[in-house]
Structures are given as C-alpha cells and as structure tokens.
Amino acid sequence: MSKHTPDSTKDPEPAMNKPGKTGIARIIAAGGYSAKGLKAAWLHEEAFRVETCLAVVFVPLSFVIADTLAHQLLLIGSCFLVLITELINSAIEAIVDRVSTELHPLSGQAKDIGSSVVFLAMALFLICWCLSCWDYLQGGG
C-alpha cells in the first residue's frame, strides 16, 4: 500500500462548485463586473475609446442607411463586433503583460493574433458600411 499525504487523498473541488453568489445576486454581480471591465477599457485603452465614439455615431446612422431590420442588425452588429474584439484583444494583452513583461515570441504571437482579430472585425465593419452607404447614395435605401 502506498502512503498518501492528507492533501493527495482529497479530490480537488471543481471550480464550478466554489462558494459564491447564485441566482439573481450572481447576475447582478456579473453586471457589476462587466461595468468595471468597460470602465477599465474606457480609461486605459485609447482604441476602445475611439471605437466607442465611432459606434455612437454609426449606430444611429444605421437607422437612416438601413432599409430592412436585417440590414440594420448587420450594421449595428458590425459596430458591436469591433468593440467586442477590442475588449478581447485588451484582455489578451493584459494577461500576457501580467504573466511577464519579458519579450518572448509566444507573447508577441498572442498579442499579434489578438490584434488580427480586431483587424478582421474592422474589415467586416468597413465592408458592411461602405457597401451600405454606396447602395444608399445610389438610391437603394
């Protein structure tokens, strides 16, 4: 028989079973955490501030440009996709910087991939909006 230390005989408690808020209290707490994250992004991420200001202009403009609900959802969705990807990119950068400020190829790769996600979201935004504006100006809207 093998000896077990007291810690090795215990099954680690799954993270999902950790004590904490449940039900409505959990939803309210999650909303608070989200607000805290948005505030941090606004305060510390210039790109997020710029993209948010652009969304404040483009979302109302979608009500003028779009000719159907689906079209309007596409235009608004492309705005939000840019913001979402920017938040994800900022989170990746914060995690990488938290782990180590040392230059490492994998750290650079993680940051570059995060940046490329934002780039693709912006490309989609531009395609949707440019084609929609072109159609609107041609009298299709």
C-alpha atoms as a PDB file:
ATOM      1  CA  MET A   1       0.000   0.000   0.000  1.00  0.00           C
ATOM      2  CA  SER A   2       1.174   3.460  -0.724  1.00  0.00           C
ATOM      3  CA  LYS A   3       1.180   6.298   1.697  1.00  0.00           C
ATOM      4  CA  HIS A   4      -0.974   9.280   0.906  1.00  0.00           C
ATOM      5  CA  THR A   5      -0.443  12.717   2.217  1.00  0.00           C
ATOM      6  CA  PRO A   6      -3.615  14.287   3.551  1.00  0.00           C
ATOM      7  CA  ASP A   7      -3.823  16.562   0.510  1.00  0.00           C
ATOM      8  CA  SER A   8      -3.448  13.777  -2.033  1.00  0.00           C
ATOM      9  CA  THR A   9      -6.452  11.827  -0.713  1.00  0.00           C
ATOM     10  CA  LYS A  10      -8.808  14.728  -1.301  1.00  0.00           C
ATOM     11  CA  ASP A  11     -10.361  15.315  -4.662  1.00  0.00           C
ATOM     12  CA  PRO A  12      -9.853  18.908  -5.632  1.00  0.00           C
ATOM     13  CA  GLU A  13     -13.122  20.802  -5.544  1.00  0.00           C
ATOM     14  CA  PRO A  14     -14.187  21.763  -9.064  1.00  0.00           C
ATOM     15  CA  ALA A  15     -14.095  25.469  -9.740  1.00  0.00           C
ATOM     16  CA  MET A  16     -17.773  25.389 -10.660  1.00  0.00           C
ATOM     17  CA  ASN A  17     -18.667  24.356  -7.110  1.00  0.00           C
ATOM     18  CA  LYS A  18     -16.818  27.212  -5.466  1.00  0.00           C
ATOM     19  CA  PRO A  19     -18.882  29.193  -2.995  1.00  0.00           C
ATOM     20  CA  GLY A  20     -20.275  32.446  -4.240  1.00  0.00           C
ATOM     21  CA  LYS A  21     -23.362  34.235  -5.357  1.00  0.00           C
ATOM     22  CA  THR A  22     -26.173  32.374  -7.074  1.00  0.00           C
ATOM     23  CA  GLY A  23     -29.347  33.298  -8.906  1.00  0.00           C
ATOM     24  CA  ILE A  24     -30.236  36.966  -9.281  1.00  0.00           C
ATOM     25  CA  ALA A  25     -27.393  38.034  -6.975  1.00  0.00           C
ATOM     26  CA  ARG A  26     -24.923  36.355  -9.360  1.00  0.00           C
ATOM     27  CA  ILE A  27     -26.447  38.112 -12.375  1.00  0.00           C
ATOM     28  CA  ILE A  28     -26.284  41.475 -10.593  1.00  0.00           C
ATOM     29  CA  ALA A  29     -22.669  40.839  -9.557  1.00  0.00           C
ATOM     30  CA  ALA A  30     -21.781  39.839 -13.140  1.00  0.00           C
ATOM     31  CA  GLY A  31     -23.300  43.096 -14.376  1.00  0.00           C
ATOM     32  CA  GLY A  32     -21.102  44.967 -11.922  1.00  0.00           C
ATOM     33  CA  TYR A  33     -18.005  43.114 -13.105  1.00  0.00           C
ATOM     34  CA  SER A  34     -18.920  43.916 -16.707  1.00  0.00           C
ATOM     35  CA  ALA A  35     -19.361  47.598 -15.890  1.00  0.00           C
ATOM     36  CA  LYS A  36     -15.991  47.553 -14.145  1.00  0.00           C
ATOM     37  CA  GLY A  37     -14.402  45.997 -17.250  1.00  0.00           C
ATOM     38  CA  LEU A  38     -15.983  48.557 -19.574  1.00  0.00           C
ATOM     39  CA  LYS A  39     -14.783  51.366 -17.306  1.00  0.00           C
ATOM     40  CA  ALA A  40     -11.248  49.931 -17.283  1.00  0.00           C
ATOM     41  CA  ALA A  41     -11.261  49.630 -21.074  1.00  0.00           C
ATOM     42  CA  TRP A  42     -12.512  53.210 -21.428  1.00  0.00           C
ATOM     43  CA  LEU A  43      -9.884  54.567 -19.030  1.00  0.00           C
ATOM     44  CA  HIS A  44      -6.892  52.565 -20.242  1.00  0.00           C
ATOM     45  CA  GLU A  45      -7.488  51.695 -23.912  1.00  0.00           C
ATOM     46  CA  GLU A  46      -7.439  54.563 -26.410  1.00  0.00           C
ATOM     47  CA  ALA A  47      -8.523  52.303 -29.271  1.00  0.00           C
ATOM     48  CA  PHE A  48     -11.626  51.294 -27.300  1.00  0.00           C
ATOM     49  CA  ARG A  49     -12.488  54.959 -26.673  1.00  0.00           C
ATOM     50  CA  VAL A  50     -12.147  55.827 -30.363  1.00  0.00           C
ATOM     51  CA  GLU A  51     -14.177  52.803 -31.474  1.00  0.00           C
ATOM     52  CA  THR A  52     -16.878  53.561 -28.894  1.00  0.00           C
ATOM     53  CA  CYS A  53     -17.155  57.161 -30.116  1.00  0.00           C
ATOM     54  CA  LEU A  54     -17.446  55.900 -33.681  1.00  0.00           C
ATOM     55  CA  ALA A  55     -20.166  53.452 -32.619  1.00  0.00           C
ATOM     56  CA  VAL A  56     -22.075  56.346 -31.023  1.00  0.00           C
ATOM     57  CA  VAL A  57     -22.124  57.948 -34.486  1.00  0.00           C
ATOM     58  CA  PHE A  58     -22.648  54.839 -36.620  1.00  0.00           C
ATOM     59  CA  VAL A  59     -25.377  53.079 -34.626  1.00  0.00           C
ATOM     60  CA  PRO A  60     -27.854  55.978 -35.010  1.00  0.00           C
ATOM     61  CA  LEU A  61     -26.771  56.342 -38.651  1.00  0.00           C
ATOM     62  CA  SER A  62     -27.874  52.737 -39.219  1.00  0.00           C
ATOM     63  CA  PHE A  63     -31.472  53.902 -38.709  1.00  0.00           C
ATOM     64  CA  VAL A  64     -31.069  56.160 -41.773  1.00  0.00           C
ATOM     65  CA  ILE A  65     -28.995  53.872 -44.006  1.00  0.00           C
ATOM     66  CA  ALA A  66     -30.680  50.506 -43.460  1.00  0.00           C
ATOM     67  CA  ASP A  67     -33.759  49.596 -45.452  1.00  0.00           C
ATOM     68  CA  THR A  68     -34.680  46.431 -43.535  1.00  0.00           C
ATOM     69  CA  LEU A  69     -34.388  45.203 -39.976  1.00  0.00           C
ATOM     70  CA  ALA A  70     -31.848  42.566 -41.031  1.00  0.00           C
ATOM     71  CA  HIS A  71     -29.769  45.235 -42.734  1.00  0.00           C
ATOM     72  CA  GLN A  72     -29.888  47.424 -39.631  1.00  0.00           C
ATOM     73  CA  LEU A  73     -28.882  44.492 -37.415  1.00  0.00           C
ATOM     74  CA  LEU A  74     -25.925  43.807 -39.710  1.00  0.00           C
ATOM     75  CA  LEU A  75     -24.737  47.408 -39.470  1.00  0.00           C
ATOM     76  CA  ILE A  76     -25.182  47.618 -35.692  1.00  0.00           C
ATOM     77  CA  GLY A  77     -23.732  44.132 -35.226  1.00  0.00           C
ATOM     78  CA  SER A  78     -20.593  45.079 -37.134  1.00  0.00           C
ATOM     79  CA  CYS A  79     -20.135  48.066 -34.788  1.00  0.00           C
ATOM     80  CA  PHE A  80     -20.507  45.902 -31.707  1.00  0.00           C
ATOM     81  CA  LEU A  81     -18.227  43.226 -33.147  1.00  0.00           C
ATOM     82  CA  VAL A  82     -15.403  45.766 -33.343  1.00  0.00           C
ATOM     83  CA  LEU A  83     -15.965  46.731 -29.687  1.00  0.00           C
ATOM     84  CA  ILE A  84     -16.179  43.097 -28.575  1.00  0.00           C
ATOM     85  CA  THR A  85     -12.984  42.121 -30.355  1.00  0.00           C
ATOM     86  CA  GLU A  86     -11.199  45.182 -28.969  1.00  0.00           C
ATOM     87  CA  LEU A  87     -12.179  44.120 -25.440  1.00  0.00           C
ATOM     88  CA  ILE A  88     -10.935  40.588 -26.085  1.00  0.00           C
ATOM     89  CA  ASN A  89      -7.676  41.930 -27.501  1.00  0.00           C
ATOM     90  CA  SER A  90      -7.215  44.189 -24.467  1.00  0.00           C
ATOM     91  CA  ALA A  91      -7.843  41.237 -22.148  1.00  0.00           C
ATOM     92  CA  ILE A  92      -5.254  39.132 -24.005  1.00  0.00           C
ATOM     93  CA  GLU A  93      -2.707  41.944 -23.785  1.00  0.00           C
ATOM     94  CA  ALA A  94      -3.373  42.419 -20.060  1.00  0.00           C
ATOM     95  CA  ILE A  95      -2.959  38.704 -19.360  1.00  0.00           C
ATOM     96  CA  VAL A  96       0.269  38.500 -21.374  1.00  0.00           C
ATOM     97  CA  ASP A  97       1.669  41.556 -19.596  1.00  0.00           C
ATOM     98  CA  ARG A  98       0.591  40.168 -16.205  1.00  0.00           C
ATOM     99  CA  VAL A  99       2.396  36.887 -16.825  1.00  0.00           C
ATOM    100  CA  SER A 100       5.640  38.552 -17.874  1.00  0.00           C
ATOM    101  CA  THR A 101       6.900  41.780 -19.328  1.00  0.00           C
ATOM    102  CA  GLU A 102       9.860  39.863 -20.773  1.00  0.00           C
ATOM    103  CA  LEU A 103       9.937  39.790 -24.553  1.00  0.00           C
ATOM    104  CA  HIS A 104       9.015  36.310 -25.715  1.00  0.00           C
ATOM    105  CA  PRO A 105       7.958  35.050 -29.155  1.00  0.00           C
ATOM    106  CA  LEU A 106       4.770  33.462 -27.796  1.00  0.00           C
ATOM    107  CA  SER A 107       3.808  36.679 -26.007  1.00  0.00           C
ATOM    108  CA  GLY A 108       4.264  38.596 -29.237  1.00  0.00           C
ATOM    109  CA  GLN A 109       2.338  35.959 -31.150  1.00  0.00           C
ATOM    110  CA  ALA A 110      -0.596  36.127 -28.705  1.00  0.00           C
ATOM    111  CA  LYS A 111      -0.716  39.920 -28.956  1.00  0.00           C
ATOM    112  CA  ASP A 112      -0.412  39.853 -32.749  1.00  0.00           C
ATOM    113  CA  ILE A 113      -3.226  37.314 -33.088  1.00  0.00           C
ATOM    114  CA  GLY A 114      -5.414  39.403 -30.787  1.00  0.00           C
ATOM    115  CA  SER A 115      -4.698  42.424 -32.936  1.00  0.00           C
ATOM    116  CA  SER A 116      -5.546  40.494 -36.098  1.00  0.00           C
ATOM    117  CA  VAL A 117      -8.955  39.626 -34.629  1.00  0.00           C
ATOM    118  CA  VAL A 118      -9.699  43.343 -34.256  1.00  0.00           C
ATOM    119  CA  PHE A 119      -8.382  43.975 -37.772  1.00  0.00           C
ATOM    120  CA  LEU A 120     -10.756  41.395 -39.256  1.00  0.00           C
ATOM    121  CA  ALA A 121     -13.703  42.849 -37.330  1.00  0.00           C
ATOM    122  CA  MET A 122     -12.809  46.311 -38.658  1.00  0.00           C
ATOM    123  CA  ALA A 123     -12.545  44.933 -42.200  1.00  0.00           C
ATOM    124  CA  LEU A 124     -16.037  43.438 -41.859  1.00  0.00           C
ATOM    125  CA  PHE A 125     -17.307  46.758 -40.480  1.00  0.00           C
ATOM    126  CA  LEU A 126     -15.833  48.648 -43.440  1.00  0.00           C
ATOM    127  CA  ILE A 127     -17.229  46.221 -45.997  1.00  0.00           C
ATOM    128  CA  CYS A 128     -20.732  46.338 -44.487  1.00  0.00           C
ATOM    129  CA  TRP A 129     -20.801  50.093 -44.071  1.00  0.00           C
ATOM    130  CA  CYS A 130     -19.139  51.033 -47.361  1.00  0.00           C
ATOM    131  CA  LEU A 131     -21.450  48.802 -49.392  1.00  0.00           C
ATOM    132  CA  SER A 132     -24.473  50.021 -47.438  1.00  0.00           C
ATOM    133  CA  CYS A 133     -23.546  53.678 -47.892  1.00  0.00           C
ATOM    134  CA  TRP A 134     -22.850  53.110 -51.584  1.00  0.00           C
ATOM    135  CA  ASP A 135     -26.264  51.481 -52.016  1.00  0.00           C
ATOM    136  CA  TYR A 136     -27.948  54.278 -50.041  1.00  0.00           C
ATOM    137  CA  LEU A 137     -26.287  57.002 -52.119  1.00  0.00           C
ATOM    138  CA  GLN A 138     -27.310  55.210 -55.326  1.00  0.00           C
ATOM    139  CA  GLY A 139     -30.928  55.444 -54.215  1.00  0.00           C
ATOM    140  CA  GLY A 140     -31.270  51.885 -52.969  1.00  0.00           C
ATOM    141  CA  GLY A 141     -32.007  52.892 -49.360  1.00  0.00           C
END
